[in-house]
């Protein structure tokens, strides 16, 4: 029987962005239903803050990659079969 499970790299930027946008959508839906008493301005400011958080995670990821590259980076996981 062939194993069909594919290993994928964890991408923290996509994770943070996805969670933030999901939280924004839930807050918007709760506000429209009347269950959440939040101004539209607060929800409008949530989107740039989610994008800023994703930017910070991307920057931290690049710093870690640069430090690993300078150090030699021998301790990382093996490359995926598709070359990523």
N, C-alpha and C. Protein backbone atom coordinates (compact mmCIF):
# COMPACT_ATOMS: atom_id res chain seq x y z
N UNK A 1 0.85 -1.18 0.00
CA UNK A 1 0.00 0.00 0.00
C UNK A 1 0.89 1.24 0.00
N UNK A 2 0.62 2.17 -0.89
CA UNK A 2 1.45 3.36 -1.03
C UNK A 2 1.08 4.39 0.03
N UNK A 3 2.11 4.97 0.62
CA UNK A 3 1.90 6.00 1.64
C UNK A 3 1.60 7.33 0.94
N UNK A 4 0.45 7.92 1.22
CA UNK A 4 0.05 9.14 0.54
C UNK A 4 0.18 10.38 1.42
N UNK A 5 0.81 10.26 2.57
CA UNK A 5 0.99 11.41 3.46
C UNK A 5 2.17 12.23 2.97
N UNK A 6 1.96 13.52 2.78
CA UNK A 6 3.01 14.42 2.31
C UNK A 6 3.44 15.32 3.46
N UNK A 7 4.74 15.40 3.67
CA UNK A 7 5.27 16.32 4.68
C UNK A 7 5.30 17.72 4.11
N UNK A 8 4.85 18.66 4.89
CA UNK A 8 4.89 20.06 4.46
C UNK A 8 5.63 20.87 5.53
N UNK A 9 6.34 21.87 5.08
CA UNK A 9 7.03 22.74 6.02
C UNK A 9 6.02 23.62 6.74
N UNK A 10 6.30 23.89 8.00
CA UNK A 10 5.46 24.79 8.78
C UNK A 10 5.81 26.22 8.37
N UNK A 11 4.80 26.98 7.99
CA UNK A 11 5.01 28.36 7.58
C UNK A 11 4.33 29.27 8.60
N UNK A 12 5.12 29.83 9.53
CA UNK A 12 4.55 30.62 10.61
C UNK A 12 3.82 31.89 10.14
N UNK A 13 4.27 32.47 9.04
CA UNK A 13 3.62 33.69 8.55
C UNK A 13 2.19 33.38 8.11
N UNK A 14 2.02 32.31 7.36
CA UNK A 14 0.67 31.92 6.94
C UNK A 14 -0.21 31.58 8.13
N UNK A 15 0.38 30.93 9.13
CA UNK A 15 -0.36 30.54 10.32
C UNK A 15 -0.87 31.78 11.07
N UNK A 16 0.02 32.74 11.31
CA UNK A 16 -0.36 33.96 12.03
C UNK A 16 -1.37 34.77 11.23
N UNK A 17 -1.15 34.89 9.93
CA UNK A 17 -2.08 35.64 9.09
C UNK A 17 -3.44 34.97 9.05
N UNK A 18 -3.46 33.66 8.93
CA UNK A 18 -4.73 32.93 8.90
C UNK A 18 -5.50 33.06 10.20
N UNK A 19 -4.80 32.92 11.33
CA UNK A 19 -5.48 33.07 12.62
C UNK A 19 -6.01 34.49 12.81
N UNK A 20 -5.21 35.46 12.41
CA UNK A 20 -5.65 36.85 12.56
C UNK A 20 -6.85 37.18 11.70
N UNK A 21 -6.84 36.74 10.46
CA UNK A 21 -7.98 37.01 9.58
C UNK A 21 -9.22 36.24 10.02
N UNK A 22 -9.02 35.04 10.55
CA UNK A 22 -10.15 34.27 11.08
C UNK A 22 -10.76 34.98 12.28
N UNK A 23 -9.91 35.51 13.16
CA UNK A 23 -10.41 36.26 14.32
C UNK A 23 -11.14 37.52 13.87
N UNK A 24 -10.62 38.20 12.86
CA UNK A 24 -11.28 39.39 12.34
C UNK A 24 -12.65 39.05 11.77
N UNK A 25 -12.75 37.95 11.03
CA UNK A 25 -14.03 37.54 10.46
C UNK A 25 -15.04 37.18 11.55
N UNK A 26 -14.58 36.48 12.57
CA UNK A 26 -15.49 36.12 13.67
C UNK A 26 -15.97 37.37 14.41
N UNK A 27 -15.06 38.30 14.66
CA UNK A 27 -15.46 39.55 15.33
C UNK A 27 -16.47 40.33 14.48
N UNK A 28 -16.25 40.36 13.18
CA UNK A 28 -17.18 41.06 12.30
C UNK A 28 -18.55 40.40 12.32
N UNK A 29 -18.59 39.07 12.25
CA UNK A 29 -19.87 38.37 12.28
C UNK A 29 -20.59 38.55 13.61
N UNK A 30 -19.84 38.50 14.71
CA UNK A 30 -20.46 38.72 16.02
C UNK A 30 -20.98 40.14 16.17
N UNK A 31 -20.26 41.10 15.59
CA UNK A 31 -20.72 42.49 15.65
C UNK A 31 -22.00 42.67 14.84
N UNK A 32 -22.08 42.04 13.67
CA UNK A 32 -23.27 42.16 12.83
C UNK A 32 -24.49 41.49 13.47
N UNK A 33 -24.26 40.41 14.21
CA UNK A 33 -25.36 39.74 14.90
C UNK A 33 -25.82 40.52 16.12
N UNK A 34 -24.96 41.39 16.63
CA UNK A 34 -25.29 42.17 17.82
C UNK A 34 -24.76 41.55 19.10
N UNK A 35 -24.00 40.48 19.00
CA UNK A 35 -23.46 39.82 20.19
C UNK A 35 -22.19 40.50 20.70
N UNK A 36 -21.56 41.30 19.89
CA UNK A 36 -20.31 41.95 20.25
C UNK A 36 -20.47 43.45 20.07
N UNK A 37 -20.22 44.20 21.13
CA UNK A 37 -20.38 45.65 21.08
C UNK A 37 -19.01 46.31 20.86
N UNK A 38 -18.60 46.37 19.59
CA UNK A 38 -17.31 46.95 19.21
C UNK A 38 -17.56 47.92 18.07
N UNK A 39 -16.85 49.02 18.10
CA UNK A 39 -17.02 50.00 17.03
C UNK A 39 -16.42 49.49 15.73
N UNK A 40 -16.90 50.06 14.64
CA UNK A 40 -16.37 49.69 13.32
C UNK A 40 -14.91 50.14 13.19
N UNK A 41 -14.55 51.23 13.87
CA UNK A 41 -13.17 51.71 13.83
C UNK A 41 -12.23 50.69 14.46
N UNK A 42 -12.65 50.08 15.56
CA UNK A 42 -11.80 49.07 16.21
C UNK A 42 -11.58 47.87 15.29
N UNK A 43 -12.64 47.45 14.59
CA UNK A 43 -12.48 46.35 13.65
C UNK A 43 -11.62 46.75 12.46
N UNK A 44 -11.75 48.01 12.03
CA UNK A 44 -10.94 48.48 10.90
C UNK A 44 -9.46 48.55 11.28
N UNK A 45 -9.17 48.82 12.54
CA UNK A 45 -7.78 48.87 12.99
C UNK A 45 -7.21 47.48 13.25
N UNK A 46 -8.07 46.49 13.33
CA UNK A 46 -7.61 45.13 13.57
C UNK A 46 -6.89 44.57 12.34
N UNK A 47 -7.34 44.90 11.16
CA UNK A 47 -6.70 44.39 9.94
C UNK A 47 -5.24 44.84 9.81
N UNK A 48 -4.93 46.13 9.95
CA UNK A 48 -3.51 46.51 9.87
C UNK A 48 -2.66 45.88 10.98
N UNK A 49 -3.27 45.67 12.15
CA UNK A 49 -2.50 45.05 13.22
C UNK A 49 -2.21 43.57 12.92
N UNK A 50 -3.13 42.90 12.27
CA UNK A 50 -2.89 41.51 11.85
C UNK A 50 -1.78 41.47 10.81
N UNK A 51 -1.82 42.38 9.86
CA UNK A 51 -0.78 42.44 8.83
C UNK A 51 0.58 42.79 9.44
N UNK A 52 0.59 43.67 10.43
CA UNK A 52 1.83 44.03 11.10
C UNK A 52 2.40 42.84 11.88
N UNK A 53 1.53 42.07 12.52
CA UNK A 53 1.99 40.88 13.24
C UNK A 53 2.60 39.87 12.27
N UNK A 54 1.97 39.69 11.12
CA UNK A 54 2.52 38.77 10.12
C UNK A 54 3.87 39.28 9.60
N UNK A 55 4.00 40.58 9.45
CA UNK A 55 5.27 41.16 9.02
C UNK A 55 6.37 40.93 10.06
N UNK A 56 6.02 41.06 11.33
CA UNK A 56 7.00 40.81 12.39
C UNK A 56 7.43 39.35 12.41
N UNK A 57 6.49 38.44 12.21
CA UNK A 57 6.83 37.02 12.17
C UNK A 57 7.72 36.73 10.97
N UNK A 58 7.43 37.35 9.83
CA UNK A 58 8.26 37.15 8.64
C UNK A 58 9.67 37.68 8.87
N UNK A 59 9.79 38.81 9.53
CA UNK A 59 11.11 39.35 9.84
C UNK A 59 11.89 38.47 10.79
N UNK A 60 11.21 37.94 11.80
CA UNK A 60 11.88 37.04 12.74
C UNK A 60 12.33 35.76 12.04
N UNK A 61 11.51 35.29 11.13
CA UNK A 61 11.87 34.08 10.37
C UNK A 61 13.12 34.33 9.53
N UNK A 62 13.20 35.49 8.90
CA UNK A 62 14.36 35.81 8.08
C UNK A 62 15.62 35.95 8.95
N UNK A 63 15.47 36.53 10.14
CA UNK A 63 16.62 36.66 11.04
C UNK A 63 17.13 35.29 11.47
N UNK A 64 16.23 34.38 11.78
CA UNK A 64 16.62 33.04 12.18
C UNK A 64 17.29 32.31 11.02
N UNK A 65 16.75 32.45 9.83
CA UNK A 65 17.37 31.81 8.66
C UNK A 65 18.77 32.36 8.41
N UNK A 66 18.94 33.67 8.55
CA UNK A 66 20.25 34.27 8.35
C UNK A 66 21.25 33.80 9.39
N UNK A 67 20.81 33.68 10.63
CA UNK A 67 21.71 33.20 11.69
C UNK A 67 22.10 31.75 11.45
N UNK A 68 21.14 30.94 11.00
CA UNK A 68 21.46 29.54 10.69
C UNK A 68 22.43 29.43 9.52
N UNK A 69 22.25 30.29 8.53
CA UNK A 69 23.11 30.25 7.35
C UNK A 69 24.54 30.63 7.73
N UNK A 70 24.70 31.67 8.58
CA UNK A 70 26.03 32.09 9.00
C UNK A 70 26.71 31.04 9.88
N UNK A 71 25.92 30.36 10.69
CA UNK A 71 26.45 29.37 11.61
C UNK A 71 26.80 28.06 10.89
N UNK A 72 26.23 27.83 9.77
CA UNK A 72 26.49 26.60 9.05
C UNK A 72 25.22 25.83 8.79
N UNK A 73 24.22 26.00 9.63
CA UNK A 73 22.90 25.44 9.40
C UNK A 73 22.84 23.95 9.24
N UNK A 74 23.70 23.19 9.91
CA UNK A 74 23.70 21.76 9.73
C UNK A 74 22.60 21.03 10.47
N UNK A 75 21.89 21.69 11.38
CA UNK A 75 20.93 20.97 12.21
C UNK A 75 19.50 21.04 11.76
N UNK A 76 19.23 21.52 10.58
CA UNK A 76 17.86 21.68 10.11
C UNK A 76 17.26 20.38 9.63
N UNK A 77 15.97 20.40 9.34
CA UNK A 77 15.32 19.18 8.83
C UNK A 77 15.79 18.89 7.41
N UNK A 78 15.68 17.64 6.99
CA UNK A 78 16.08 17.31 5.62
C UNK A 78 15.15 17.97 4.61
N UNK A 79 15.61 18.24 3.40
CA UNK A 79 14.76 18.90 2.41
C UNK A 79 13.60 18.00 2.00
N UNK A 80 12.52 18.64 1.59
CA UNK A 80 11.35 17.91 1.13
C UNK A 80 11.63 17.30 -0.25
N UNK A 81 10.89 16.26 -0.61
CA UNK A 81 11.14 15.61 -1.90
C UNK A 81 10.98 16.51 -3.12
N UNK A 82 10.14 17.54 -3.01
CA UNK A 82 9.94 18.41 -4.16
C UNK A 82 10.95 19.56 -4.23
N UNK A 83 11.94 19.54 -3.35
CA UNK A 83 13.03 20.50 -3.42
C UNK A 83 12.83 21.77 -2.61
N UNK A 84 11.74 21.89 -1.87
CA UNK A 84 11.51 23.09 -1.07
C UNK A 84 12.26 23.05 0.22
